[in-house]
Amino acid sequence: MSAKRSAIVTGGSAGIGLAVARMLAGEGWALTLVGRAPERLAAAAAQLGDAVEVRTVSANLADPEAAAGLGADHVAHFGGVDLLVNNAGVGLIGPIATKTPKQLDLELNLNFKSAYLLLQACVPALIESAAERGASYVVNVSSLAARENPPNGSTYASMKAALVSLSNVAHAELSRHGVHVTALLPGLVDTPGTAWAGEGLRDTMMTADDVAEAVRFLLRTSARCYVPEIMLTTAGPGVWHSPVDWDAVAT
């Protein structure tokens, strides 16, 4: 295994993924950034400087074969993997009655299946890393929608909830080997993916760097400390809330 710690970050060209990658690069991690658009990946990598090695992989993670092959590709290049950040996702807003099979498949594959397959591919290397370094990590970026269950967000909320369940099962299977698995459940985050929101709403959102700091916290806890879930929310009348009128967004 390489002396330098390495991580895979999906959805790494912008938003939460790029913020996490920026934090990791600052901590000296070698990185594989994954996204669909090569030009956006190149721009993201340029932001991280040249102090650490940053590889970019353009892949459509809605394709199961692409997701499954990423783990082996990273391990072959870096000699192992110490952290997997499953951050790729898409939210298609609309009522259950009008969801098309094509839309359903896209959200199923990108929000859940890609994370499952990439985790599956990385399990042997994560176990090896934990044996050699004392701990390795998986961070599955879910959403507060997994708890809120908003109208017109059926598939997105369901898949984000499934990601939490997958994280819990992975903890049960892998924590005995020193692999730390955490589900992150942020509320609304100011990213390109929430560009549809007006300025008044965006001013209330948390930043992508807030989510990256949650990942930094996980990496700084002792090997004895397992954190199955971190929820991040914004000001409001309850913990599970959203200032968004999801019926209005769907129209």
Protein backbone atom coordinates (compact mmCIF):
# COMPACT_ATOMS: atom_id res chain seq x y z
CA MET A 1 0.00 0.00 0.00
CA SER A 2 1.15 3.52 -0.79
CA ALA A 3 2.56 5.57 2.08
CA LYS A 4 0.22 8.40 1.12
CA ARG A 5 -3.46 8.12 2.02
CA SER A 6 -5.81 8.13 -0.96
CA ALA A 7 -9.49 8.76 -1.48
CA ILE A 8 -12.15 8.39 -4.16
CA VAL A 9 -14.65 11.25 -4.33
CA THR A 10 -17.60 10.90 -6.69
CA GLY A 11 -19.46 13.98 -7.84
CA GLY A 12 -16.10 15.65 -7.29
CA SER A 13 -16.20 18.45 -9.85
CA ALA A 14 -18.40 20.87 -7.88
CA GLY A 15 -20.41 21.46 -4.72
CA ILE A 16 -20.01 19.09 -1.81
CA GLY A 17 -17.66 16.75 -3.67
CA LEU A 18 -15.26 19.52 -4.60
CA ALA A 19 -15.38 20.97 -1.07
CA VAL A 20 -14.50 17.57 0.39
CA ALA A 21 -11.71 17.12 -2.18
CA ARG A 22 -10.33 20.57 -1.34
CA MET A 23 -10.27 19.69 2.37
CA LEU A 24 -8.59 16.34 1.70
CA ALA A 25 -5.97 17.87 -0.59
CA GLY A 26 -5.16 20.34 2.16
CA GLU A 27 -4.62 17.37 4.49
CA GLY A 28 -2.25 15.72 2.01
CA TRP A 29 -4.51 13.05 0.55
CA ALA A 30 -4.04 11.74 -2.98
CA LEU A 31 -7.33 11.81 -4.85
CA THR A 32 -9.41 10.33 -7.62
CA LEU A 33 -12.12 12.81 -8.57
CA VAL A 34 -15.05 11.34 -10.48
CA GLY A 35 -17.61 13.21 -12.54
CA ARG A 36 -19.27 13.24 -15.94
CA ALA A 37 -17.78 16.34 -17.60
CA PRO A 38 -14.01 16.20 -18.29
CA GLU A 39 -13.69 19.98 -18.53
CA ARG A 40 -15.35 20.52 -15.15
CA LEU A 41 -13.15 17.85 -13.58
CA ALA A 42 -10.04 19.50 -14.99
CA ALA A 43 -11.13 22.86 -13.59
CA ALA A 44 -11.79 21.27 -10.19
CA ALA A 45 -8.40 19.56 -10.15
CA ALA A 46 -6.71 22.86 -11.01
CA GLN A 47 -8.25 24.40 -7.88
CA LEU A 48 -6.57 21.76 -5.72
CA GLY A 49 -3.02 22.70 -6.71
CA ASP A 50 -0.13 20.36 -7.31
CA ALA A 51 0.93 19.56 -3.75
CA VAL A 52 -0.86 16.20 -3.98
CA GLU A 53 -1.65 13.85 -6.85
CA VAL A 54 -5.15 14.36 -8.21
CA ARG A 55 -6.50 12.00 -10.85
CA THR A 56 -9.69 12.77 -12.71
CA VAL A 57 -11.99 10.09 -14.09
CA SER A 58 -14.88 11.01 -16.35
CA ALA A 59 -17.60 8.41 -15.88
CA ASN A 60 -21.36 8.10 -16.03
CA LEU A 61 -22.10 6.50 -12.68
CA ALA A 62 -25.65 5.77 -13.77
CA ASP A 63 -23.94 2.98 -15.74
CA PRO A 64 -23.43 0.06 -13.30
CA GLU A 65 -20.29 -1.13 -15.10
CA ALA A 66 -18.67 2.28 -14.75
CA ALA A 67 -19.37 2.40 -11.03
CA ALA A 68 -18.06 -1.11 -10.40
CA GLY A 69 -14.81 -0.46 -12.29
CA LEU A 70 -13.80 2.70 -10.45
CA GLY A 71 -12.61 0.97 -7.30
CA ALA A 72 -10.26 -1.39 -9.10
CA ASP A 73 -8.95 1.48 -11.22
CA HIS A 74 -8.09 3.58 -8.16
CA VAL A 75 -6.48 0.68 -6.29
CA ALA A 76 -4.40 -0.27 -9.31
CA HIS A 77 -3.04 3.29 -9.52
CA PHE A 78 -2.53 4.13 -5.85
CA GLY A 79 -2.01 0.67 -4.37
CA GLY A 80 -5.07 0.88 -2.12
CA VAL A 81 -7.90 3.10 -0.94
CA ASP A 82 -8.35 4.65 2.50
CA LEU A 83 -11.53 6.68 2.01
CA LEU A 84 -14.53 6.37 -0.29
CA VAL A 85 -16.87 9.34 -0.56
CA ASN A 86 -20.09 8.42 -2.37
CA ASN A 87 -21.44 11.84 -3.30
CA ALA A 88 -22.81 11.49 -6.84
CA GLY A 89 -26.54 12.04 -7.10
CA VAL A 90 -29.44 13.66 -8.88
CA GLY A 91 -32.88 14.85 -7.77
CA LEU A 92 -35.74 14.93 -10.26
CA ILE A 93 -38.67 16.76 -8.71
CA GLY A 94 -42.18 15.69 -9.61
CA PRO A 95 -45.16 13.63 -8.44
CA ILE A 96 -45.13 9.85 -8.22
CA ALA A 97 -47.90 9.64 -10.81
CA THR A 98 -45.82 11.19 -13.58
CA LYS A 99 -42.40 9.65 -12.90
CA THR A 100 -41.22 7.86 -16.04
CA PRO A 101 -39.33 4.55 -15.98
CA LYS A 102 -36.29 6.32 -17.48
CA GLN A 103 -36.31 8.94 -14.71
CA LEU A 104 -36.78 6.26 -12.08
CA ASP A 105 -33.83 4.23 -13.39
CA LEU A 106 -31.57 7.29 -13.48
CA GLU A 107 -32.25 8.16 -9.85
CA LEU A 108 -32.02 4.55 -8.68
CA ASN A 109 -28.72 4.00 -10.46
CA LEU A 110 -27.03 7.28 -9.64
CA ASN A 111 -28.28 7.89 -6.09
CA PHE A 112 -28.03 4.35 -4.77
CA LYS A 113 -26.78 1.62 -7.08
CA SER A 114 -23.53 3.40 -7.94
CA ALA A 115 -22.74 3.84 -4.24
CA TYR A 116 -23.51 0.18 -3.53
CA LEU A 117 -21.36 -1.10 -6.40
CA LEU A 118 -18.45 1.19 -5.64
CA LEU A 119 -18.52 0.24 -1.97
CA GLN A 120 -18.68 -3.43 -2.94
CA ALA A 121 -15.66 -3.04 -5.22
CA CYS A 122 -13.64 -1.22 -2.53
CA VAL A 123 -14.38 -3.51 0.44
CA PRO A 124 -11.21 -5.66 0.16
CA ALA A 125 -8.95 -2.61 -0.19
CA LEU A 126 -10.71 -0.78 2.65
CA ILE A 127 -10.24 -3.77 4.94
CA GLU A 128 -6.57 -3.98 3.97
CA SER A 129 -6.14 -0.26 4.61
CA ALA A 130 -7.74 -0.54 8.05
CA ALA A 131 -5.45 -3.45 8.94
CA GLU A 132 -2.36 -1.46 7.97
CA ARG A 133 -3.33 2.05 9.13
CA GLY A 134 -5.75 1.31 11.97
CA ALA A 135 -8.84 2.66 10.21
CA SER A 136 -10.36 3.30 6.80
CA TYR A 137 -13.50 5.23 5.92
CA VAL A 138 -16.65 5.29 3.82
CA VAL A 139 -18.79 8.44 3.70
CA ASN A 140 -22.16 8.13 1.99
CA VAL A 141 -23.65 11.56 1.29
CA SER A 142 -27.37 11.14 1.91
CA SER A 143 -29.77 14.02 2.56
CA LEU A 144 -32.13 15.40 5.15
CA ALA A 145 -34.81 14.50 2.58
CA ALA A 146 -34.34 10.93 3.78
CA ARG A 147 -36.01 11.99 7.03
CA GLU A 148 -38.24 14.81 5.77
CA ASN A 149 -39.81 12.79 2.91
CA PRO A 150 -41.05 15.84 0.99
CA PRO A 151 -43.83 15.66 -1.59
CA ASN A 152 -42.63 15.42 -5.20
CA GLY A 153 -39.29 13.99 -4.10
CA SER A 154 -40.31 10.33 -3.98
CA THR A 155 -37.35 8.59 -5.62
CA TYR A 156 -34.71 10.99 -4.34
CA ALA A 157 -35.89 10.75 -0.73
CA SER A 158 -36.32 6.98 -0.98
CA MET A 159 -32.84 6.42 -2.37
CA LYS A 160 -31.25 8.75 0.17
CA ALA A 161 -33.02 6.78 2.92
CA ALA A 162 -31.76 3.55 1.36
CA LEU A 163 -28.24 5.01 1.47
CA VAL A 164 -28.58 5.47 5.22
CA SER A 165 -29.73 1.87 5.59
CA LEU A 166 -26.83 0.67 3.45
CA SER A 167 -24.44 2.62 5.67
CA ASN A 168 -25.87 0.98 8.79
CA VAL A 169 -25.59 -2.50 7.29
CA ALA A 170 -22.06 -1.77 6.10
CA HIS A 171 -21.15 -0.70 9.64
CA ALA A 172 -22.48 -4.01 10.95
CA GLU A 173 -20.39 -5.95 8.44
CA LEU A 174 -17.23 -3.86 8.22
CA SER A 175 -16.66 -2.13 11.56
CA ARG A 176 -15.26 -5.38 12.95
CA HIS A 177 -12.50 -4.95 10.35
CA GLY A 178 -11.81 -1.32 11.27
CA VAL A 179 -13.78 0.26 8.40
CA HIS A 180 -15.72 3.33 9.55
CA VAL A 181 -18.95 3.92 7.62
CA THR A 182 -20.89 7.17 8.02
CA ALA A 183 -24.02 8.55 6.39
CA LEU A 184 -24.10 12.35 6.06
CA LEU A 185 -27.56 13.92 6.00
CA PRO A 186 -27.24 17.60 5.11
CA GLY A 187 -30.23 19.83 4.60
CA LEU A 188 -30.17 22.46 1.87
CA VAL A 189 -26.61 23.24 0.77
CA ASP A 190 -25.60 26.20 -1.37
CA THR A 191 -24.22 24.38 -4.43
CA PRO A 192 -24.73 24.49 -8.21
CA GLY A 193 -27.36 21.80 -7.68
CA THR A 194 -29.55 24.26 -5.77
CA ALA A 195 -29.16 27.06 -8.31
CA TRP A 196 -32.94 26.97 -8.81
CA ALA A 197 -33.45 28.61 -5.39
CA GLY A 198 -33.85 32.36 -5.09
CA GLU A 199 -31.30 34.53 -3.29
CA GLY A 200 -33.43 34.82 -0.17
CA LEU A 201 -33.51 31.05 0.20
CA ARG A 202 -29.86 30.54 -0.74
CA ASP A 203 -28.84 32.98 1.99
CA THR A 204 -30.24 30.54 4.58
CA MET A 205 -28.46 27.44 3.23
CA MET A 206 -25.35 25.87 4.73
CA THR A 207 -22.18 25.85 2.66
CA ALA A 208 -20.48 22.91 0.99
CA ASP A 209 -17.48 23.60 3.23
CA ASP A 210 -19.71 22.89 6.25
CA VAL A 211 -20.24 19.38 4.92
CA ALA A 212 -16.52 18.99 4.22
CA GLU A 213 -15.78 19.92 7.83
CA ALA A 214 -18.01 17.04 8.95
CA VAL A 215 -15.79 14.69 6.94
CA ARG A 216 -12.68 16.24 8.50
CA PHE A 217 -14.16 15.55 11.95
CA LEU A 218 -14.61 11.88 11.08
CA LEU A 219 -10.99 11.56 10.00
CA ARG A 220 -9.75 13.11 13.25
CA THR A 221 -11.61 10.87 15.68
CA SER A 222 -9.82 7.90 17.22
CA ALA A 223 -9.97 4.49 15.58
CA ARG A 224 -12.25 3.43 18.45
CA CYS A 225 -14.91 6.02 17.58
CA TYR A 226 -17.50 5.03 14.99
CA VAL A 227 -19.96 7.67 13.81
CA PRO A 228 -22.84 6.04 11.92
CA GLU A 229 -24.66 9.25 11.02
CA ILE A 230 -24.22 13.02 10.96
CA MET A 231 -27.21 15.26 10.35
CA LEU A 232 -26.72 18.90 9.35
CA THR A 233 -29.69 21.24 9.27
CA THR A 234 -30.53 24.93 9.06
CA ALA A 235 -32.58 27.28 11.22
CA GLY A 236 -36.27 26.46 11.37
CA PRO A 237 -39.21 25.15 13.38
CA GLY A 238 -37.78 21.63 13.72
CA VAL A 239 -34.77 19.47 12.98
CA TRP A 240 -36.42 17.78 9.99
CA HIS A 241 -37.66 20.72 8.03
CA SER A 242 -37.15 22.54 4.77
CA PRO A 243 -38.00 26.12 3.81
CA VAL A 244 -38.78 24.90 0.29
CA ASP A 245 -42.36 24.66 -0.96
CA TRP A 246 -41.91 21.37 -2.79
CA ASP A 247 -45.33 21.59 -4.45
CA ALA A 248 -44.35 24.93 -5.95
CA VAL A 249 -40.93 23.63 -7.08
CA ALA A 250 -42.60 20.73 -8.91
CA THR A 251 -44.82 22.98 -11.02
